[in-house]
């Protein structure tokens, strides 16, 4: 997985994407999922690193089966909040 971290105005944002789908665009109906390398490609991260970052994040954008599985496993997202665009799972998380 690729993980990119952003810190801005008191927010810790993470963008996490499976390696095999980064740089691709998926469309289904009116929904578009563009996995832009400029946004998602940070450093390669293992499951433990991803889970640790998600637990600290205030905002997260997560795409791909492996990335979503990490987010579900650490309790950051619920399965009913996952959408699928051309079969690709995607979720966003905001902690308030």
PDB file of N, CA and C in Angstrom:
ATOM      1  N   UNK A   1       0.838  -1.175   0.000  1.00  0.00           N
ATOM      2  CA  UNK A   1       0.000   0.000   0.000  1.00  0.00           C
ATOM      3  C   UNK A   1       0.882   1.238   0.000  1.00  0.00           C
ATOM      4  N   UNK A   2       0.327   2.303  -0.556  1.00  0.00           N
ATOM      5  CA  UNK A   2       0.977   3.603  -0.463  1.00  0.00           C
ATOM      6  C   UNK A   2       0.209   4.437   0.558  1.00  0.00           C
ATOM      7  N   UNK A   3       0.955   5.227   1.325  1.00  0.00           N
ATOM      8  CA  UNK A   3       0.326   6.088   2.309  1.00  0.00           C
ATOM      9  C   UNK A   3       1.015   7.445   2.276  1.00  0.00           C
ATOM     10  N   UNK A   4       0.189   8.463   2.190  1.00  0.00           N
ATOM     11  CA  UNK A   4       0.722   9.825   2.221  1.00  0.00           C
ATOM     12  C   UNK A   4       0.074  10.553   3.388  1.00  0.00           C
ATOM     13  N   UNK A   5       0.889  11.268   4.133  1.00  0.00           N
ATOM     14  CA  UNK A   5       0.405  11.995   5.311  1.00  0.00           C
ATOM     15  C   UNK A   5       0.460  13.490   5.050  1.00  0.00           C
ATOM     16  N   UNK A   6      -0.544  14.171   5.552  1.00  0.00           N
ATOM     17  CA  UNK A   6      -0.632  15.623   5.438  1.00  0.00           C
ATOM     18  C   UNK A   6      -0.958  16.189   6.817  1.00  0.00           C
ATOM     19  N   UNK A   7      -0.319  17.279   7.166  1.00  0.00           N
ATOM     20  CA  UNK A   7      -0.667  17.982   8.395  1.00  0.00           C
ATOM     21  C   UNK A   7      -0.962  19.424   8.036  1.00  0.00           C
ATOM     22  N   UNK A   8      -2.170  19.864   8.401  1.00  0.00           N
ATOM     23  CA  UNK A   8      -2.574  21.219   8.070  1.00  0.00           C
ATOM     24  C   UNK A   8      -3.603  21.715   9.078  1.00  0.00           C
ATOM     25  N   UNK A   9      -3.424  22.928   9.542  1.00  0.00           N
ATOM     26  CA  UNK A   9      -4.371  23.592  10.434  1.00  0.00           C
ATOM     27  C   UNK A   9      -4.908  22.673  11.527  1.00  0.00           C
ATOM     28  N   UNK A  10      -4.030  21.966  12.194  1.00  0.00           N
ATOM     29  CA  UNK A  10      -4.428  21.100  13.289  1.00  0.00           C
ATOM     30  C   UNK A  10      -5.046  19.785  12.870  1.00  0.00           C
ATOM     31  N   UNK A  11      -5.058  19.486  11.594  1.00  0.00           N
ATOM     32  CA  UNK A  11      -5.617  18.235  11.091  1.00  0.00           C
ATOM     33  C   UNK A  11      -4.489  17.296  10.647  1.00  0.00           C
ATOM     34  N   UNK A  12      -4.668  16.022  10.906  1.00  0.00           N
ATOM     35  CA  UNK A  12      -3.738  14.996  10.422  1.00  0.00           C
ATOM     36  C   UNK A  12      -4.518  14.154   9.425  1.00  0.00           C
ATOM     37  N   UNK A  13      -4.149  14.277   8.160  1.00  0.00           N
ATOM     38  CA  UNK A  13      -4.862  13.632   7.064  1.00  0.00           C
ATOM     39  C   UNK A  13      -3.995  12.530   6.479  1.00  0.00           C
ATOM     40  N   UNK A  14      -4.598  11.375   6.217  1.00  0.00           N
ATOM     41  CA  UNK A  14      -3.870  10.300   5.541  1.00  0.00           C
ATOM     42  C   UNK A  14      -4.645   9.877   4.297  1.00  0.00           C
ATOM     43  N   UNK A  15      -3.894   9.589   3.263  1.00  0.00           N
ATOM     44  CA  UNK A  15      -4.433   9.049   2.023  1.00  0.00           C
ATOM     45  C   UNK A  15      -3.770   7.687   1.824  1.00  0.00           C
ATOM     46  N   UNK A  16      -4.584   6.657   1.710  1.00  0.00           N
ATOM     47  CA  UNK A  16      -4.067   5.290   1.627  1.00  0.00           C
ATOM     48  C   UNK A  16      -4.688   4.605   0.416  1.00  0.00           C
ATOM     49  N   UNK A  17      -3.827   3.956  -0.377  1.00  0.00           N
ATOM     50  CA  UNK A  17      -4.296   3.330  -1.608  1.00  0.00           C
ATOM     51  C   UNK A  17      -3.492   2.061  -1.883  1.00  0.00           C
ATOM     52  N   UNK A  18      -4.172   1.027  -2.326  1.00  0.00           N
ATOM     53  CA  UNK A  18      -3.474  -0.190  -2.748  1.00  0.00           C
ATOM     54  C   UNK A  18      -2.560   0.130  -3.926  1.00  0.00           C
ATOM     55  N   UNK A  19      -1.417  -0.523  -3.954  1.00  0.00           N
ATOM     56  CA  UNK A  19      -0.418  -0.248  -4.988  1.00  0.00           C
ATOM     57  C   UNK A  19      -0.904  -0.564  -6.399  1.00  0.00           C
ATOM     58  N   UNK A  20      -1.734  -1.582  -6.550  1.00  0.00           N
ATOM     59  CA  UNK A  20      -2.126  -2.012  -7.892  1.00  0.00           C
ATOM     60  C   UNK A  20      -3.186  -1.135  -8.556  1.00  0.00           C
ATOM     61  N   UNK A  21      -3.751  -0.172  -7.815  1.00  0.00           N
ATOM     62  CA  UNK A  21      -4.779   0.678  -8.423  1.00  0.00           C
ATOM     63  C   UNK A  21      -4.403   2.162  -8.442  1.00  0.00           C
ATOM     64  N   UNK A  22      -3.278   2.511  -7.853  1.00  0.00           N
ATOM     65  CA  UNK A  22      -2.888   3.926  -7.810  1.00  0.00           C
ATOM     66  C   UNK A  22      -2.675   4.453  -9.229  1.00  0.00           C
ATOM     67  N   UNK A  23      -3.095   5.679  -9.448  1.00  0.00           N
ATOM     68  CA  UNK A  23      -2.963   6.295 -10.757  1.00  0.00           C
ATOM     69  C   UNK A  23      -4.111   5.975 -11.708  1.00  0.00           C
ATOM     70  N   UNK A  24      -5.064   5.178 -11.267  1.00  0.00           N
ATOM     71  CA  UNK A  24      -6.177   4.781 -12.124  1.00  0.00           C
ATOM     72  C   UNK A  24      -7.437   5.573 -11.797  1.00  0.00           C
ATOM     73  N   UNK A  25      -8.378   5.540 -12.728  1.00  0.00           N
ATOM     74  CA  UNK A  25      -9.647   6.239 -12.572  1.00  0.00           C
ATOM     75  C   UNK A  25     -10.771   5.235 -12.774  1.00  0.00           C
ATOM     76  N   UNK A  26     -11.739   5.259 -11.879  1.00  0.00           N
ATOM     77  CA  UNK A  26     -12.878   4.353 -11.943  1.00  0.00           C
ATOM     78  C   UNK A  26     -14.151   5.185 -11.969  1.00  0.00           C
ATOM     79  N   UNK A  27     -15.119   4.754 -12.769  1.00  0.00           N
ATOM     80  CA  UNK A  27     -16.359   5.498 -12.894  1.00  0.00           C
ATOM     81  C   UNK A  27     -17.520   4.530 -12.929  1.00  0.00           C
ATOM     82  N   UNK A  28     -18.554   4.883 -12.180  1.00  0.00           N
ATOM     83  CA  UNK A  28     -19.779   4.088 -12.168  1.00  0.00           C
ATOM     84  C   UNK A  28     -20.948   5.045 -11.976  1.00  0.00           C
ATOM     85  N   UNK A  29     -21.754   5.199 -12.995  1.00  0.00           N
ATOM     86  CA  UNK A  29     -22.832   6.186 -12.937  1.00  0.00           C
ATOM     87  C   UNK A  29     -22.243   7.575 -12.785  1.00  0.00           C
ATOM     88  N   UNK A  30     -22.722   8.303 -11.785  1.00  0.00           N
ATOM     89  CA  UNK A  30     -22.209   9.651 -11.536  1.00  0.00           C
ATOM     90  C   UNK A  30     -20.984   9.657 -10.625  1.00  0.00           C
ATOM     91  N   UNK A  31     -20.649   8.509 -10.048  1.00  0.00           N
ATOM     92  CA  UNK A  31     -19.509   8.431  -9.127  1.00  0.00           C
ATOM     93  C   UNK A  31     -18.200   8.250  -9.889  1.00  0.00           C
ATOM     94  N   UNK A  32     -17.195   9.022  -9.500  1.00  0.00           N
ATOM     95  CA  UNK A  32     -15.865   8.918 -10.093  1.00  0.00           C
ATOM     96  C   UNK A  32     -14.853   8.799  -8.964  1.00  0.00           C
ATOM     97  N   UNK A  33     -13.978   7.835  -9.063  1.00  0.00           N
ATOM     98  CA  UNK A  33     -12.892   7.643  -8.104  1.00  0.00           C
ATOM     99  C   UNK A  33     -11.581   7.758  -8.855  1.00  0.00           C
ATOM    100  N   UNK A  34     -10.910   8.883  -8.689  1.00  0.00           N
ATOM    101  CA  UNK A  34      -9.636   9.131  -9.360  1.00  0.00           C
ATOM    102  C   UNK A  34      -8.528   9.020  -8.312  1.00  0.00           C
ATOM    103  N   UNK A  35      -7.717   8.007  -8.451  1.00  0.00           N
ATOM    104  CA  UNK A  35      -6.665   7.728  -7.466  1.00  0.00           C
ATOM    105  C   UNK A  35      -5.365   8.365  -7.922  1.00  0.00           C
ATOM    106  N   UNK A  36      -5.341   9.663  -7.835  1.00  0.00           N
ATOM    107  CA  UNK A  36      -4.237  10.484  -8.309  1.00  0.00           C
ATOM    108  C   UNK A  36      -2.951  10.201  -7.533  1.00  0.00           C
ATOM    109  N   UNK A  37      -1.889   9.932  -8.274  1.00  0.00           N
ATOM    110  CA  UNK A  37      -0.600   9.636  -7.632  1.00  0.00           C
ATOM    111  C   UNK A  37      -0.097  10.807  -6.804  1.00  0.00           C
ATOM    112  N   UNK A  38      -0.377  12.025  -7.250  1.00  0.00           N
ATOM    113  CA  UNK A  38       0.059  13.199  -6.509  1.00  0.00           C
ATOM    114  C   UNK A  38      -0.551  13.295  -5.123  1.00  0.00           C
ATOM    115  N   UNK A  39      -1.736  12.727  -4.958  1.00  0.00           N
ATOM    116  CA  UNK A  39      -2.417  12.755  -3.662  1.00  0.00           C
ATOM    117  C   UNK A  39      -2.120  11.513  -2.830  1.00  0.00           C
ATOM    118  N   UNK A  40      -2.146  10.342  -3.449  1.00  0.00           N
ATOM    119  CA  UNK A  40      -2.034   9.081  -2.708  1.00  0.00           C
ATOM    120  C   UNK A  40      -0.620   8.527  -2.585  1.00  0.00           C
ATOM    121  N   UNK A  41       0.251   8.794  -3.561  1.00  0.00           N
ATOM    122  CA  UNK A  41       1.558   8.140  -3.519  1.00  0.00           C
ATOM    123  C   UNK A  41       2.479   8.867  -2.547  1.00  0.00           C
ATOM    124  N   UNK A  42       2.666   8.211  -1.426  1.00  0.00           N
ATOM    125  CA  UNK A  42       3.637   8.661  -0.438  1.00  0.00           C
ATOM    126  C   UNK A  42       4.662   7.554  -0.336  1.00  0.00           C
ATOM    127  N   UNK A  43       4.869   7.101   0.861  1.00  0.00           N
ATOM    128  CA  UNK A  43       5.798   5.983   1.046  1.00  0.00           C
ATOM    129  C   UNK A  43       5.015   4.675   1.088  1.00  0.00           C
ATOM    130  N   UNK A  44       5.710   3.589   0.796  1.00  0.00           N
ATOM    131  CA  UNK A  44       5.089   2.274   0.945  1.00  0.00           C
ATOM    132  C   UNK A  44       4.921   2.001   2.430  1.00  0.00           C
ATOM    133  N   UNK A  45       3.809   1.398   2.790  1.00  0.00           N
ATOM    134  CA  UNK A  45       3.515   1.160   4.201  1.00  0.00           C
ATOM    135  C   UNK A  45       2.949  -0.246   4.385  1.00  0.00           C
ATOM    136  N   UNK A  46       3.318  -0.853   5.497  1.00  0.00           N
ATOM    137  CA  UNK A  46       2.777  -2.172   5.839  1.00  0.00           C
ATOM    138  C   UNK A  46       1.460  -1.972   6.598  1.00  0.00           C
ATOM    139  N   UNK A  47       0.769  -3.064   6.865  1.00  0.00           N
ATOM    140  CA  UNK A  47      -0.524  -2.999   7.543  1.00  0.00           C
ATOM    141  C   UNK A  47      -0.426  -2.304   8.897  1.00  0.00           C
ATOM    142  N   UNK A  48       0.588  -2.614   9.678  1.00  0.00           N
ATOM    143  CA  UNK A  48       0.728  -2.004  11.003  1.00  0.00           C
ATOM    144  C   UNK A  48       0.926  -0.494  10.908  1.00  0.00           C
ATOM    145  N   UNK A  49       1.712  -0.038   9.945  1.00  0.00           N
ATOM    146  CA  UNK A  49       1.931   1.402   9.766  1.00  0.00           C
ATOM    147  C   UNK A  49       0.651   2.104   9.347  1.00  0.00           C
ATOM    148  N   UNK A  50      -0.104   1.467   8.470  1.00  0.00           N
ATOM    149  CA  UNK A  50      -1.371   2.030   8.016  1.00  0.00           C
ATOM    150  C   UNK A  50      -2.349   2.133   9.187  1.00  0.00           C
ATOM    151  N   UNK A  51      -2.474   1.080   9.957  1.00  0.00           N
ATOM    152  CA  UNK A  51      -3.398   1.090  11.095  1.00  0.00           C
ATOM    153  C   UNK A  51      -3.004   2.144  12.122  1.00  0.00           C
ATOM    154  N   UNK A  52      -1.732   2.275  12.397  1.00  0.00           N
ATOM    155  CA  UNK A  52      -1.255   3.281  13.350  1.00  0.00           C
ATOM    156  C   UNK A  52      -1.606   4.693  12.864  1.00  0.00           C
ATOM    157  N   UNK A  53      -1.377   4.956  11.599  1.00  0.00           N
ATOM    158  CA  UNK A  53      -1.691   6.274  11.036  1.00  0.00           C
ATOM    159  C   UNK A  53      -3.198   6.535  11.070  1.00  0.00           C
ATOM    160  N   UNK A  54      -3.993   5.535  10.743  1.00  0.00           N
ATOM    161  CA  UNK A  54      -5.443   5.703  10.763  1.00  0.00           C
ATOM    162  C   UNK A  54      -5.961   6.014  12.162  1.00  0.00           C
ATOM    163  N   UNK A  55      -5.387   5.381  13.158  1.00  0.00           N
ATOM    164  CA  UNK A  55      -5.826   5.624  14.529  1.00  0.00           C
ATOM    165  C   UNK A  55      -5.497   7.028  15.007  1.00  0.00           C
ATOM    166  N   UNK A  56      -4.510   7.662  14.401  1.00  0.00           N
ATOM    167  CA  UNK A  56      -4.119   9.033  14.753  1.00  0.00           C
ATOM    168  C   UNK A  56      -4.767  10.083  13.861  1.00  0.00           C
ATOM    169  N   UNK A  57      -5.267   9.671  12.717  1.00  0.00           N
ATOM    170  CA  UNK A  57      -5.779  10.607  11.712  1.00  0.00           C
ATOM    171  C   UNK A  57      -7.091  11.254  12.130  1.00  0.00           C
ATOM    172  N   UNK A  58      -7.262  12.490  11.684  1.00  0.00           N
ATOM    173  CA  UNK A  58      -8.549  13.162  11.849  1.00  0.00           C
ATOM    174  C   UNK A  58      -9.376  13.031  10.573  1.00  0.00           C
ATOM    175  N   UNK A  59      -8.705  12.863   9.442  1.00  0.00           N
ATOM    176  CA  UNK A  59      -9.363  12.673   8.150  1.00  0.00           C
ATOM    177  C   UNK A  59      -8.591  11.603   7.379  1.00  0.00           C
ATOM    178  N   UNK A  60      -9.308  10.719   6.698  1.00  0.00           N
ATOM    179  CA  UNK A  60      -8.639   9.698   5.893  1.00  0.00           C
ATOM    180  C   UNK A  60      -9.419   9.436   4.610  1.00  0.00           C
ATOM    181  N   UNK A  61      -8.690   9.228   3.536  1.00  0.00           N
ATOM    182  CA  UNK A  61      -9.225   8.772   2.255  1.00  0.00           C
ATOM    183  C   UNK A  61      -8.584   7.424   2.000  1.00  0.00           C
ATOM    184  N   UNK A  62      -9.396   6.409   1.792  1.00  0.00           N
ATOM    185  CA  UNK A  62      -8.899   5.036   1.730  1.00  0.00           C
ATOM    186  C   UNK A  62      -9.480   4.349   0.502  1.00  0.00           C
ATOM    187  N   UNK A  63      -8.619   3.706  -0.293  1.00  0.00           N
ATOM    188  CA  UNK A  63      -9.095   3.028  -1.497  1.00  0.00           C
ATOM    189  C   UNK A  63      -8.347   1.719  -1.708  1.00  0.00           C
ATOM    190  N   UNK A  64      -9.075   0.699  -2.100  1.00  0.00           N
ATOM    191  CA  UNK A  64      -8.484  -0.602  -2.397  1.00  0.00           C
ATOM    192  C   UNK A  64      -8.807  -1.622  -1.320  1.00  0.00           C
ATOM    193  N   UNK A  65      -8.792  -2.877  -1.705  1.00  0.00           N
ATOM    194  CA  UNK A  65      -9.175  -3.956  -0.794  1.00  0.00           C
ATOM    195  C   UNK A  65      -8.277  -4.052   0.437  1.00  0.00           C
ATOM    196  N   UNK A  66      -6.957  -3.994   0.254  1.00  0.00           N
ATOM    197  CA  UNK A  66      -6.033  -4.112   1.390  1.00  0.00           C
ATOM    198  C   UNK A  66      -6.152  -2.920   2.328  1.00  0.00           C
ATOM    199  N   UNK A  67      -6.209  -1.716   1.748  1.00  0.00           N
ATOM    200  CA  UNK A  67      -6.295  -0.503   2.561  1.00  0.00           C
ATOM    201  C   UNK A  67      -7.602  -0.478   3.357  1.00  0.00           C
ATOM    202  N   UNK A  68      -8.703  -0.819   2.704  1.00  0.00           N
ATOM    203  CA  UNK A  68     -10.000  -0.850   3.380  1.00  0.00           C
ATOM    204  C   UNK A  68     -10.002  -1.900   4.481  1.00  0.00           C
ATOM    205  N   UNK A  69      -9.406  -3.067   4.222  1.00  0.00           N
ATOM    206  CA  UNK A  69      -9.353  -4.123   5.240  1.00  0.00           C
ATOM    207  C   UNK A  69      -8.625  -3.634   6.491  1.00  0.00           C
ATOM    208  N   UNK A  70      -7.554  -2.875   6.321  1.00  0.00           N
ATOM    209  CA  UNK A  70      -6.827  -2.315   7.468  1.00  0.00           C
ATOM    210  C   UNK A  70      -7.717  -1.365   8.255  1.00  0.00           C
ATOM    211  N   UNK A  71      -8.442  -0.503   7.550  1.00  0.00           N
ATOM    212  CA  UNK A  71      -9.300   0.478   8.208  1.00  0.00           C
ATOM    213  C   UNK A  71     -10.441  -0.196   8.976  1.00  0.00           C
ATOM    214  N   UNK A  72     -10.997  -1.246   8.413  1.00  0.00           N
ATOM    215  CA  UNK A  72     -12.063  -1.987   9.088  1.00  0.00           C
ATOM    216  C   UNK A  72     -11.483  -2.717  10.291  1.00  0.00           C
ATOM    217  N   UNK A  73     -10.338  -3.351  10.103  1.00  0.00           N
ATOM    218  CA  UNK A  73      -9.707  -4.140  11.161  1.00  0.00           C
ATOM    219  C   UNK A  73      -9.373  -3.298  12.395  1.00  0.00           C
ATOM    220  N   UNK A  74      -8.944  -2.066  12.195  1.00  0.00           N
ATOM    221  CA  UNK A  74      -8.585  -1.230  13.352  1.00  0.00           C
ATOM    222  C   UNK A  74      -9.772  -0.413  13.856  1.00  0.00           C
ATOM    223  N   UNK A  75     -10.945  -0.608  13.262  1.00  0.00           N
ATOM    224  CA  UNK A  75     -12.155   0.030  13.751  1.00  0.00           C
ATOM    225  C   UNK A  75     -12.359   1.468  13.307  1.00  0.00           C
ATOM    226  N   UNK A  76     -11.632   1.910  12.291  1.00  0.00           N
ATOM    227  CA  UNK A  76     -11.761   3.296  11.833  1.00  0.00           C
ATOM    228  C   UNK A  76     -12.932   3.517  10.895  1.00  0.00           C
ATOM    229  N   UNK A  77     -13.356   2.473  10.214  1.00  0.00           N
ATOM    230  CA  UNK A  77     -14.556   2.572   9.384  1.00  0.00           C
ATOM    231  C   UNK A  77     -15.402   1.321   9.582  1.00  0.00           C
ATOM    232  N   UNK A  78     -16.699   1.486   9.370  1.00  0.00           N
ATOM    233  CA  UNK A  78     -17.625   0.366   9.413  1.00  0.00           C
ATOM    234  C   UNK A  78     -17.901  -0.088   7.989  1.00  0.00           C
ATOM    235  N   UNK A  79     -18.142  -1.354   7.828  1.00  0.00           N
ATOM    236  CA  UNK A  79     -18.340  -1.904   6.487  1.00  0.00           C
ATOM    237  C   UNK A  79     -19.517  -1.265   5.757  1.00  0.00           C
ATOM    238  N   UNK A  80     -20.533  -0.797   6.488  1.00  0.00           N
ATOM    239  CA  UNK A  80     -21.678  -0.183   5.815  1.00  0.00           C
ATOM    240  C   UNK A  80     -21.357   1.202   5.241  1.00  0.00           C
ATOM    241  N   UNK A  81     -20.184   1.735   5.569  1.00  0.00           N
ATOM    242  CA  UNK A  81     -19.775   3.041   5.048  1.00  0.00           C
ATOM    243  C   UNK A  81     -18.821   2.939   3.855  1.00  0.00           C
ATOM    244  N   UNK A  82     -18.644   1.749   3.347  1.00  0.00           N
ATOM    245  CA  UNK A  82     -17.775   1.538   2.191  1.00  0.00           C
ATOM    246  C   UNK A  82     -18.630   1.611   0.926  1.00  0.00           C
ATOM    247  N   UNK A  83     -18.151   2.372  -0.060  1.00  0.00           N
ATOM    248  CA  UNK A  83     -18.821   2.375  -1.360  1.00  0.00           C
ATOM    249  C   UNK A  83     -17.929   1.626  -2.354  1.00  0.00           C
ATOM    250  N   UNK A  84     -18.527   1.148  -3.412  1.00  0.00           N
ATOM    251  CA  UNK A  84     -17.793   0.434  -4.448  1.00  0.00           C
ATOM    252  C   UNK A  84     -18.027   1.133  -5.778  1.00  0.00           C
ATOM    253  N   UNK A  85     -16.944   1.461  -6.443  1.00  0.00           N
ATOM    254  CA  UNK A  85     -17.010   2.087  -7.756  1.00  0.00           C
ATOM    255  C   UNK A  85     -16.254   1.173  -8.714  1.00  0.00           C
ATOM    256  N   UNK A  86     -16.941   0.591  -9.636  1.00  0.00           N
ATOM    257  CA  UNK A  86     -16.404  -0.430 -10.548  1.00  0.00           C
ATOM    258  C   UNK A  86     -15.716  -1.539  -9.747  1.00  0.00           C
ATOM    259  N   UNK A  87     -16.305  -1.905  -8.628  1.00  0.00           N
ATOM    260  CA  UNK A  87     -15.785  -2.979  -7.796  1.00  0.00           C
ATOM    261  C   UNK A  87     -14.658  -2.579  -6.862  1.00  0.00           C
ATOM    262  N   UNK A  88     -14.213  -1.332  -6.905  1.00  0.00           N
ATOM    263  CA  UNK A  88     -13.117  -0.866  -6.052  1.00  0.00           C
ATOM    264  C   UNK A  88     -13.706  -0.259  -4.780  1.00  0.00           C
ATOM    265  N   UNK A  89     -13.337  -0.798  -3.605  1.00  0.00           N
ATOM    266  CA  UNK A  89     -13.862  -0.244  -2.358  1.00  0.00           C
ATOM    267  C   UNK A  89     -13.187   1.089  -2.008  1.00  0.00           C
ATOM    268  N   UNK A  90     -13.993   2.008  -1.485  1.00  0.00           N
ATOM    269  CA  UNK A  90     -13.505   3.336  -1.109  1.00  0.00           C
ATOM    270  C   UNK A  90     -14.274   3.808   0.124  1.00  0.00           C
ATOM    271  N   UNK A  91     -13.570   4.478   1.015  1.00  0.00           N
ATOM    272  CA  UNK A  91     -14.225   5.058   2.187  1.00  0.00           C
ATOM    273  C   UNK A  91     -13.469   6.309   2.609  1.00  0.00           C
ATOM    274  N   UNK A  92     -14.194   7.177   3.276  1.00  0.00           N
ATOM    275  CA  UNK A  92     -13.593   8.357   3.870  1.00  0.00           C
ATOM    276  C   UNK A  92     -13.948   8.356   5.348  1.00  0.00           C
ATOM    277  N   UNK A  93     -13.045   8.900   6.140  1.00  0.00           N
ATOM    278  CA  UNK A  93     -13.261   8.961   7.578  1.00  0.00           C
ATOM    279  C   UNK A  93     -12.980  10.389   8.035  1.00  0.00           C
ATOM    280  N   UNK A  94     -13.835  10.883   8.915  1.00  0.00           N
ATOM    281  CA  UNK A  94     -13.627  12.175   9.552  1.00  0.00           C
ATOM    282  C   UNK A  94     -13.907  12.012  11.027  1.00  0.00           C
ATOM    283  N   UNK A  95     -12.952  12.384  11.844  1.00  0.00           N
ATOM    284  CA  UNK A  95     -13.122  12.350  13.300  1.00  0.00           C
ATOM    285  C   UNK A  95     -13.406  13.760  13.781  1.00  0.00           C
ATOM    286  N   UNK A  96     -14.523  13.923  14.512  1.00  0.00           N
ATOM    287  CA  UNK A  96     -14.846  15.250  15.033  1.00  0.00           C
ATOM    288  C   UNK A  96     -14.905  15.234  16.542  1.00  0.00           C
TER     289      UNK A  96
END
